[in-house]
Every structure is written in C-alpha cells, then in structure tokens.
Amino acid sequence: KRCPTPLCESAMRLIGFLIALWLLCGNFAMAETPSGGESLRDANRHYQRGEFDKARRIWEAWAEQGSSDAWYGLGQLYRRGEGVEKDVEKARWMYRKAAELGHGYAQSNLGTLYFMDKPPNMEEAIRWWTKGAENGEVHSQYRMGVLYFNGDDVPVDRVRGYAWMKHAASQGHTDAPRLLEE
C-alpha cells in the first residue's frame, strides 16, 4: 500500500535507501574477506614464522579477490621455493598479476627477474623498474638511477639518473648517497 502522506512516503524511500546501502556494504565486506576470515596481516605473520603453507592458503584466497599484496606474497613463495617447489616462471606470472595492479615491490621484482634472464631482457626489466620507481619503490629508483648514470641500455642522462638516485637516497637506500657524491 502507498503511504497516505508525503512525509510517510519520504520515510519509506529513506528506509529503502538505507536497506539497499546496508546490503551493498554487506556484499562489499563479504567480497573483501575471503572464506576463513584471515587477513593479509595474518598471512604475513604466518610467513614471518615460516608457516608458508598457512600463508599460501590465505594469499591464494585473497588473490582470488584481486589483492595485489596476495599475488606478491605468492610470487615470493614461488621465487624462493618456500613451502612450494621453486618455480621462477610461476613467480614471474604472480608478480606480473600484482605489478599490473600497481604493486611497486612486484614491479621491481618482475624487472629483476627479466634482468636475470639469460640473456637479460633489458627492455622488460627497464619497463617494470620504471613503473616501480614511479610508484616509489626505492630499489627500482636506485636501479634506474644507475642505468641513467652509466647509460646501461638507456641513453646516458645524468640529470634523470641524479633525480632517481636522489629519490632513492631520500627513502634510505644505503648506496644511493655514496653514488650521489661521486
């Protein structure tokens, strides 16, 4: 039945809106918490304690939800062979998933994996180190600084090299200040 007054009708619209909002927020909360209810922080604690299988299970659940941190954590496990058989190609795939979601450490590690290829794939290494550096990842900033200072696979650009090295130094990279003095 319709409400007999405009005030009643407004109240009913408000109640309907609040119910819809509650349902929407409830669905987002469910989407954010994979089954088991453990957080990424829990996974990191398990990882630090060497409980790699527990960390992996949590990260896998979060990765299904699109978490870049979870994809990065899984990449670490497979790159290092912690609790799983070491598989650099699987790690590369997982780092790429995280990197494409904007994860700076994953971008840096992905660049390093391309650098370690035989022969090195410098185009991809530089591509991912640049993305990591632009996202504030200190090791990528340092690497880009070195590349531009030395002209390694990029044209020598001391100004750009200095800028990347300065960023790395400001974030505490231990070798960057020494190179800035040279």
Protein backbone atom coordinates (compact mmCIF):
# COMPACT_ATOMS: atom_id res chain seq x y z
CA LYS A 1 0.00 0.00 0.00
CA ARG A 2 1.08 3.55 -0.61
CA CYS A 3 1.71 5.90 2.28
CA PRO A 4 -1.14 8.34 2.92
CA THR A 5 1.13 11.41 3.42
CA PRO A 6 4.23 12.84 1.68
CA LEU A 7 6.18 12.55 4.96
CA CYS A 8 5.39 8.85 5.19
CA GLU A 9 6.42 8.36 1.56
CA SER A 10 9.75 10.14 2.18
CA ALA A 11 10.38 7.98 5.22
CA MET A 12 9.71 4.83 3.22
CA ARG A 13 12.13 5.98 0.49
CA LEU A 14 14.77 6.67 3.14
CA ILE A 15 14.27 3.24 4.71
CA GLY A 16 14.52 1.61 1.28
CA PHE A 17 17.71 3.54 0.57
CA LEU A 18 19.24 2.53 3.92
CA ILE A 19 18.38 -1.12 3.37
CA ALA A 20 19.94 -1.01 -0.11
CA LEU A 21 23.03 0.68 1.31
CA TRP A 22 23.31 -1.90 4.08
CA LEU A 23 23.02 -4.75 1.58
CA LEU A 24 25.57 -3.14 -0.72
CA CYS A 25 28.07 -2.60 2.11
CA GLY A 26 27.49 -6.10 3.37
CA ASN A 27 28.27 -7.54 -0.05
CA PHE A 28 31.45 -5.47 -0.33
CA ALA A 29 32.54 -6.63 3.10
CA MET A 30 31.96 -10.22 2.07
CA ALA A 31 33.91 -9.68 -1.15
CA GLU A 32 36.81 -8.21 0.82
CA THR A 33 37.10 -11.10 3.27
CA PRO A 34 37.81 -14.47 1.72
CA SER A 35 36.46 -17.59 3.35
CA GLY A 36 38.27 -18.38 6.56
CA GLY A 37 38.24 -14.73 7.56
CA GLU A 38 42.01 -14.41 7.87
CA SER A 39 43.59 -11.15 6.83
CA LEU A 40 46.63 -10.35 4.75
CA ARG A 41 48.29 -9.36 8.02
CA ASP A 42 47.64 -12.91 9.28
CA ALA A 43 49.28 -14.29 6.13
CA ASN A 44 52.31 -12.07 6.68
CA ARG A 45 52.60 -13.24 10.29
CA HIS A 46 52.45 -16.88 9.19
CA TYR A 47 55.09 -16.16 6.55
CA GLN A 48 57.41 -14.49 9.09
CA ARG A 49 57.09 -17.53 11.36
CA GLY A 50 57.98 -19.86 8.48
CA GLU A 51 54.41 -21.21 8.25
CA PHE A 52 54.48 -20.96 4.48
CA ASP A 53 51.58 -23.33 3.80
CA LYS A 54 49.23 -21.28 6.00
CA ALA A 55 50.42 -18.04 4.39
CA ARG A 56 49.96 -19.53 0.92
CA ARG A 57 46.38 -20.62 1.61
CA ILE A 58 45.43 -17.15 2.85
CA TRP A 59 47.19 -15.39 -0.03
CA GLU A 60 45.51 -17.69 -2.56
CA ALA A 61 42.09 -16.77 -1.17
CA TRP A 62 42.93 -13.07 -1.25
CA ALA A 63 44.46 -13.32 -4.74
CA GLU A 64 41.12 -14.65 -6.00
CA GLN A 65 39.64 -11.39 -4.71
CA GLY A 66 42.21 -9.38 -6.71
CA SER A 67 44.65 -8.42 -3.95
CA SER A 68 47.99 -7.22 -5.31
CA ASP A 69 49.61 -7.91 -1.92
CA ALA A 70 48.44 -11.52 -2.09
CA TRP A 71 49.77 -12.00 -5.63
CA TYR A 72 53.08 -10.51 -4.49
CA GLY A 73 53.26 -12.83 -1.47
CA LEU A 74 52.59 -15.86 -3.65
CA GLY A 75 55.28 -14.68 -6.06
CA GLN A 76 57.75 -14.53 -3.18
CA LEU A 77 56.94 -18.10 -2.14
CA TYR A 78 57.44 -19.49 -5.64
CA ARG A 79 60.55 -17.42 -6.38
CA ARG A 80 62.21 -18.61 -3.19
CA GLY A 81 60.71 -22.10 -3.04
CA GLU A 82 59.29 -21.55 0.43
CA GLY A 83 56.66 -24.18 1.20
CA VAL A 84 56.27 -24.86 -2.53
CA GLU A 85 58.52 -26.15 -5.25
CA LYS A 86 60.66 -23.28 -6.55
CA ASP A 87 59.21 -22.09 -9.86
CA VAL A 88 60.59 -18.82 -11.20
CA GLU A 89 58.16 -18.75 -14.14
CA LYS A 90 55.19 -19.16 -11.81
CA ALA A 91 56.65 -16.42 -9.59
CA ARG A 92 57.04 -14.18 -12.66
CA TRP A 93 53.37 -14.74 -13.56
CA MET A 94 52.26 -13.93 -9.99
CA TYR A 95 54.49 -10.85 -9.79
CA ARG A 96 53.01 -9.70 -13.11
CA LYS A 97 49.48 -10.04 -11.70
CA ALA A 98 50.49 -7.90 -8.70
CA ALA A 99 52.53 -5.49 -10.85
CA GLU A 100 49.62 -4.90 -13.21
CA LEU A 101 47.56 -3.97 -10.15
CA GLY A 102 50.20 -1.33 -9.29
CA HIS A 103 52.23 -3.18 -6.63
CA GLY A 104 55.63 -1.42 -6.51
CA TYR A 105 57.65 -4.28 -5.00
CA ALA A 106 56.19 -6.70 -7.53
CA GLN A 107 57.10 -4.30 -10.34
CA SER A 108 60.66 -4.15 -9.02
CA ASN A 109 60.96 -7.92 -8.61
CA LEU A 110 59.46 -8.52 -12.04
CA GLY A 111 62.05 -6.18 -13.54
CA THR A 112 64.79 -8.06 -11.70
CA LEU A 113 63.55 -11.43 -13.00
CA TYR A 114 63.72 -10.08 -16.56
CA PHE A 115 67.21 -8.75 -15.82
CA MET A 116 68.26 -12.21 -14.59
CA ASP A 117 67.03 -13.95 -17.76
CA LYS A 118 69.75 -15.49 -19.95
CA PRO A 119 70.23 -13.28 -21.91
CA PRO A 120 68.76 -10.41 -19.91
CA ASN A 121 65.55 -8.93 -21.26
CA MET A 122 66.53 -5.32 -20.60
CA GLU A 123 63.51 -3.84 -22.35
CA GLU A 124 61.13 -5.57 -19.93
CA ALA A 125 63.45 -5.05 -16.94
CA ILE A 126 63.57 -1.29 -17.58
CA ARG A 127 59.84 -1.17 -18.23
CA TRP A 128 59.00 -2.73 -14.85
CA TRP A 129 61.75 -0.94 -12.90
CA THR A 130 60.44 2.35 -14.29
CA LYS A 131 56.91 1.53 -13.12
CA GLY A 132 58.24 0.51 -9.70
CA ALA A 133 60.32 3.68 -9.44
CA GLU A 134 57.34 5.82 -10.40
CA ASN A 135 55.36 4.05 -7.65
CA GLY A 136 58.02 4.99 -5.10
CA GLU A 137 59.79 1.63 -4.82
CA VAL A 138 63.29 2.51 -3.61
CA HIS A 139 65.23 -0.34 -5.26
CA SER A 140 63.70 0.46 -8.64
CA GLN A 141 64.58 4.12 -8.16
CA TYR A 142 68.17 3.17 -7.39
CA ARG A 143 68.40 0.83 -10.40
CA MET A 144 67.00 3.48 -12.73
CA GLY A 145 69.49 5.99 -11.33
CA VAL A 146 72.39 3.62 -12.04
CA LEU A 147 71.11 2.84 -15.54
CA TYR A 148 70.84 6.51 -16.48
CA PHE A 149 74.17 7.47 -14.89
CA ASN A 150 76.01 4.70 -16.74
CA GLY A 151 73.97 4.62 -19.94
CA ASP A 152 73.28 0.91 -19.47
CA ASP A 153 70.69 0.03 -22.12
CA VAL A 154 69.38 3.62 -21.97
CA PRO A 155 70.95 6.84 -23.21
CA VAL A 156 73.22 8.49 -20.62
CA ASP A 157 71.09 11.06 -18.81
CA ARG A 158 72.87 12.33 -15.71
CA VAL A 159 70.01 14.65 -14.75
CA ARG A 160 67.48 11.83 -14.80
CA GLY A 161 69.96 9.49 -13.11
CA TYR A 162 70.60 12.07 -10.38
CA ALA A 163 66.84 12.57 -9.85
CA TRP A 164 66.18 8.83 -9.44
CA MET A 165 69.21 8.43 -7.18
CA LYS A 166 68.08 11.40 -5.06
CA HIS A 167 64.64 9.80 -4.65
CA ALA A 168 66.27 6.52 -3.58
CA ALA A 169 68.58 8.31 -1.11
CA SER A 170 65.68 10.25 0.41
CA GLN A 171 63.97 6.93 1.15
CA GLY A 172 67.03 5.49 2.87
CA HIS A 173 68.72 3.43 0.15
CA THR A 174 72.17 2.89 1.64
CA ASP A 175 74.21 3.02 -1.59
CA ALA A 176 72.47 6.00 -3.18
CA PRO A 177 74.15 8.78 -1.12
CA ARG A 178 77.62 7.42 -1.95
CA LEU A 179 76.83 7.42 -5.68
CA LEU A 180 75.44 10.95 -5.47
CA GLU A 181 78.78 12.13 -4.06
CA GLU A 182 80.78 10.63 -6.95
